[in-house]
Amino acid sequence: MTDLTIAELAQVLDPPLTEHQLRQLVTLTGLKPSGKRRTGRAGRPQPTYDATELLKLHAVLAPFLGISDA
């Protein structure tokens, strides 16, 4: 996979997590951004994260977060 922003990751996760939940997960685990991406709008570039790492983390934690795909 590639590097994605929190907003992009929230759109592809199944079962879903909100952007807020993903930010909390990143903060809790201490996961560092792998890069930055400009959005085309004014403001700071958005941090990107290794999608593979977050997908693995999501798969492990989903049962403990009370979410499931069933």
N, C-alpha and C. Protein backbone atom coordinates (compact mmCIF):
# COMPACT_ATOMS: atom_id res chain seq x y z
N MET A 1 0.84 -1.17 0.00
CA MET A 1 0.00 0.00 0.00
C MET A 1 0.89 1.24 0.00
N THR A 2 0.35 2.35 0.37
CA THR A 2 1.06 3.61 0.30
C THR A 2 0.83 4.42 1.57
N ASP A 3 1.33 5.60 1.58
CA ASP A 3 1.09 6.50 2.70
C ASP A 3 -0.24 7.21 2.49
N LEU A 4 -1.03 7.28 3.56
CA LEU A 4 -2.34 7.92 3.49
C LEU A 4 -2.51 8.87 4.66
N THR A 5 -3.37 9.86 4.47
CA THR A 5 -3.71 10.76 5.57
C THR A 5 -4.75 10.08 6.46
N ILE A 6 -4.98 10.64 7.63
CA ILE A 6 -6.00 10.10 8.54
C ILE A 6 -7.36 10.08 7.85
N ALA A 7 -7.71 11.14 7.14
CA ALA A 7 -9.01 11.21 6.46
C ALA A 7 -9.14 10.10 5.42
N GLU A 8 -8.07 9.85 4.67
CA GLU A 8 -8.10 8.79 3.66
C GLU A 8 -8.21 7.41 4.30
N LEU A 9 -7.49 7.21 5.38
CA LEU A 9 -7.55 5.93 6.09
C LEU A 9 -8.95 5.67 6.65
N ALA A 10 -9.60 6.71 7.17
CA ALA A 10 -10.94 6.55 7.73
C ALA A 10 -11.93 6.07 6.66
N GLN A 11 -11.68 6.42 5.42
CA GLN A 11 -12.57 6.03 4.33
C GLN A 11 -12.38 4.59 3.88
N VAL A 12 -11.21 4.00 4.14
CA VAL A 12 -10.94 2.65 3.63
C VAL A 12 -11.01 1.56 4.70
N LEU A 13 -11.05 1.93 5.96
CA LEU A 13 -11.07 0.91 7.00
C LEU A 13 -12.42 0.19 7.05
N ASP A 14 -12.34 -1.11 7.23
CA ASP A 14 -13.55 -1.93 7.38
C ASP A 14 -13.28 -2.98 8.43
N PRO A 15 -13.93 -2.95 9.56
CA PRO A 15 -14.98 -2.03 9.97
C PRO A 15 -14.45 -0.61 10.18
N PRO A 16 -15.32 0.38 10.00
CA PRO A 16 -14.87 1.77 10.00
C PRO A 16 -14.49 2.31 11.38
N LEU A 17 -13.61 3.28 11.33
CA LEU A 17 -13.28 4.12 12.49
C LEU A 17 -13.42 5.56 12.03
N THR A 18 -13.75 6.45 12.95
CA THR A 18 -13.83 7.86 12.60
C THR A 18 -12.42 8.45 12.56
N GLU A 19 -12.30 9.63 11.97
CA GLU A 19 -11.01 10.30 11.96
C GLU A 19 -10.54 10.57 13.39
N HIS A 20 -11.47 10.94 14.25
CA HIS A 20 -11.13 11.20 15.65
C HIS A 20 -10.57 9.94 16.31
N GLN A 21 -11.21 8.81 16.10
CA GLN A 21 -10.73 7.54 16.66
C GLN A 21 -9.35 7.19 16.12
N LEU A 22 -9.14 7.43 14.84
CA LEU A 22 -7.82 7.14 14.25
C LEU A 22 -6.75 8.03 14.84
N ARG A 23 -7.06 9.31 15.03
CA ARG A 23 -6.08 10.22 15.65
C ARG A 23 -5.72 9.75 17.06
N GLN A 24 -6.74 9.32 17.81
CA GLN A 24 -6.48 8.82 19.15
C GLN A 24 -5.61 7.57 19.11
N LEU A 25 -5.86 6.68 18.16
CA LEU A 25 -5.08 5.47 18.00
C LEU A 25 -3.62 5.79 17.67
N VAL A 26 -3.42 6.74 16.78
CA VAL A 26 -2.06 7.15 16.41
C VAL A 26 -1.35 7.74 17.61
N THR A 27 -2.05 8.59 18.36
CA THR A 27 -1.46 9.21 19.55
C THR A 27 -1.13 8.16 20.61
N LEU A 28 -2.08 7.26 20.86
CA LEU A 28 -1.91 6.22 21.87
C LEU A 28 -0.72 5.31 21.57
N THR A 29 -0.55 4.96 20.30
CA THR A 29 0.52 4.03 19.93
C THR A 29 1.85 4.73 19.67
N GLY A 30 1.81 6.05 19.55
CA GLY A 30 3.05 6.78 19.29
C GLY A 30 3.53 6.65 17.86
N LEU A 31 2.64 6.25 16.96
CA LEU A 31 3.01 6.09 15.55
C LEU A 31 3.39 7.44 14.96
N LYS A 32 4.54 7.51 14.35
CA LYS A 32 5.03 8.75 13.77
C LYS A 32 4.63 8.84 12.30
N PRO A 33 4.35 10.06 11.82
CA PRO A 33 4.04 10.22 10.39
C PRO A 33 5.21 9.78 9.53
N SER A 34 4.89 9.24 8.36
CA SER A 34 5.93 8.82 7.43
C SER A 34 6.20 9.88 6.39
N GLY A 35 5.39 10.93 6.38
CA GLY A 35 5.58 12.01 5.42
C GLY A 35 4.52 13.07 5.61
N LYS A 36 4.45 13.98 4.63
CA LYS A 36 3.45 15.05 4.63
C LYS A 36 2.94 15.22 3.21
N ARG A 37 1.69 15.65 3.10
CA ARG A 37 1.11 15.87 1.79
C ARG A 37 0.32 17.18 1.79
N ARG A 38 0.55 17.97 0.77
CA ARG A 38 -0.22 19.20 0.60
C ARG A 38 -1.61 18.83 0.08
N THR A 39 -2.60 19.56 0.56
CA THR A 39 -3.98 19.27 0.19
C THR A 39 -4.49 20.16 -0.94
N GLY A 40 -3.75 21.19 -1.26
CA GLY A 40 -4.21 22.12 -2.28
C GLY A 40 -4.97 23.30 -1.69
N ARG A 41 -5.16 23.26 -0.38
CA ARG A 41 -5.82 24.36 0.32
C ARG A 41 -4.81 25.05 1.21
N ALA A 42 -5.18 26.23 1.66
CA ALA A 42 -4.30 26.97 2.57
C ALA A 42 -4.15 26.21 3.88
N GLY A 43 -3.00 26.34 4.48
CA GLY A 43 -2.76 25.68 5.76
C GLY A 43 -1.58 24.74 5.69
N ARG A 44 -1.39 24.02 6.76
CA ARG A 44 -0.26 23.10 6.87
C ARG A 44 -0.50 21.84 6.04
N PRO A 45 0.58 21.25 5.56
CA PRO A 45 0.43 19.95 4.91
C PRO A 45 -0.07 18.90 5.91
N GLN A 46 -0.84 17.94 5.44
CA GLN A 46 -1.37 16.89 6.30
C GLN A 46 -0.34 15.78 6.47
N PRO A 47 -0.17 15.29 7.70
CA PRO A 47 0.75 14.17 7.90
C PRO A 47 0.19 12.91 7.23
N THR A 48 1.08 12.09 6.72
CA THR A 48 0.67 10.80 6.15
C THR A 48 1.29 9.69 6.99
N TYR A 49 0.63 8.56 6.96
CA TYR A 49 1.07 7.41 7.75
C TYR A 49 1.15 6.19 6.84
N ASP A 50 2.01 5.26 7.19
CA ASP A 50 2.13 4.02 6.44
C ASP A 50 0.81 3.26 6.60
N ALA A 51 0.07 3.14 5.52
CA ALA A 51 -1.25 2.52 5.57
C ALA A 51 -1.17 1.06 6.01
N THR A 52 -0.13 0.36 5.60
CA THR A 52 0.01 -1.05 5.96
C THR A 52 0.11 -1.20 7.48
N GLU A 53 0.89 -0.34 8.11
CA GLU A 53 1.03 -0.40 9.58
C GLU A 53 -0.31 -0.14 10.27
N LEU A 54 -1.03 0.88 9.81
CA LEU A 54 -2.30 1.19 10.45
C LEU A 54 -3.36 0.14 10.17
N LEU A 55 -3.33 -0.47 9.01
CA LEU A 55 -4.29 -1.54 8.71
C LEU A 55 -4.04 -2.75 9.61
N LYS A 56 -2.77 -3.07 9.83
CA LYS A 56 -2.44 -4.17 10.74
C LYS A 56 -2.87 -3.85 12.17
N LEU A 57 -2.59 -2.64 12.60
CA LEU A 57 -2.97 -2.21 13.94
C LEU A 57 -4.49 -2.24 14.10
N HIS A 58 -5.20 -1.78 13.11
CA HIS A 58 -6.65 -1.78 13.12
C HIS A 58 -7.18 -3.21 13.24
N ALA A 59 -6.61 -4.13 12.50
CA ALA A 59 -7.06 -5.53 12.53
C ALA A 59 -6.88 -6.14 13.92
N VAL A 60 -5.80 -5.78 14.58
CA VAL A 60 -5.53 -6.32 15.91
C VAL A 60 -6.44 -5.69 16.96
N LEU A 61 -6.66 -4.40 16.86
CA LEU A 61 -7.40 -3.68 17.89
C LEU A 61 -8.91 -3.67 17.70
N ALA A 62 -9.41 -3.92 16.51
CA ALA A 62 -10.85 -3.83 16.24
C ALA A 62 -11.69 -4.63 17.24
N PRO A 63 -11.32 -5.87 17.56
CA PRO A 63 -12.15 -6.61 18.53
C PRO A 63 -12.20 -5.96 19.92
N PHE A 64 -11.14 -5.28 20.30
CA PHE A 64 -11.08 -4.64 21.61
C PHE A 64 -11.81 -3.30 21.63
N LEU A 65 -12.03 -2.74 20.45
CA LEU A 65 -12.72 -1.45 20.35
C LEU A 65 -14.22 -1.63 20.24
N GLY A 66 -14.67 -2.88 20.22
CA GLY A 66 -16.09 -3.15 20.15
C GLY A 66 -16.68 -2.98 18.77
N ILE A 67 -15.81 -3.07 17.74
CA ILE A 67 -16.30 -2.98 16.38
C ILE A 67 -16.04 -4.29 15.69
N SER A 68 -16.90 -4.62 14.77
CA SER A 68 -16.69 -5.84 13.99
C SER A 68 -17.37 -5.65 12.64
N ASP A 69 -17.00 -6.50 11.72
CA ASP A 69 -17.59 -6.40 10.40
C ASP A 69 -18.80 -7.30 10.26
N ALA A 70 -19.18 -7.97 11.33
CA ALA A 70 -20.34 -8.87 11.28
C ALA A 70 -21.60 -8.17 11.75
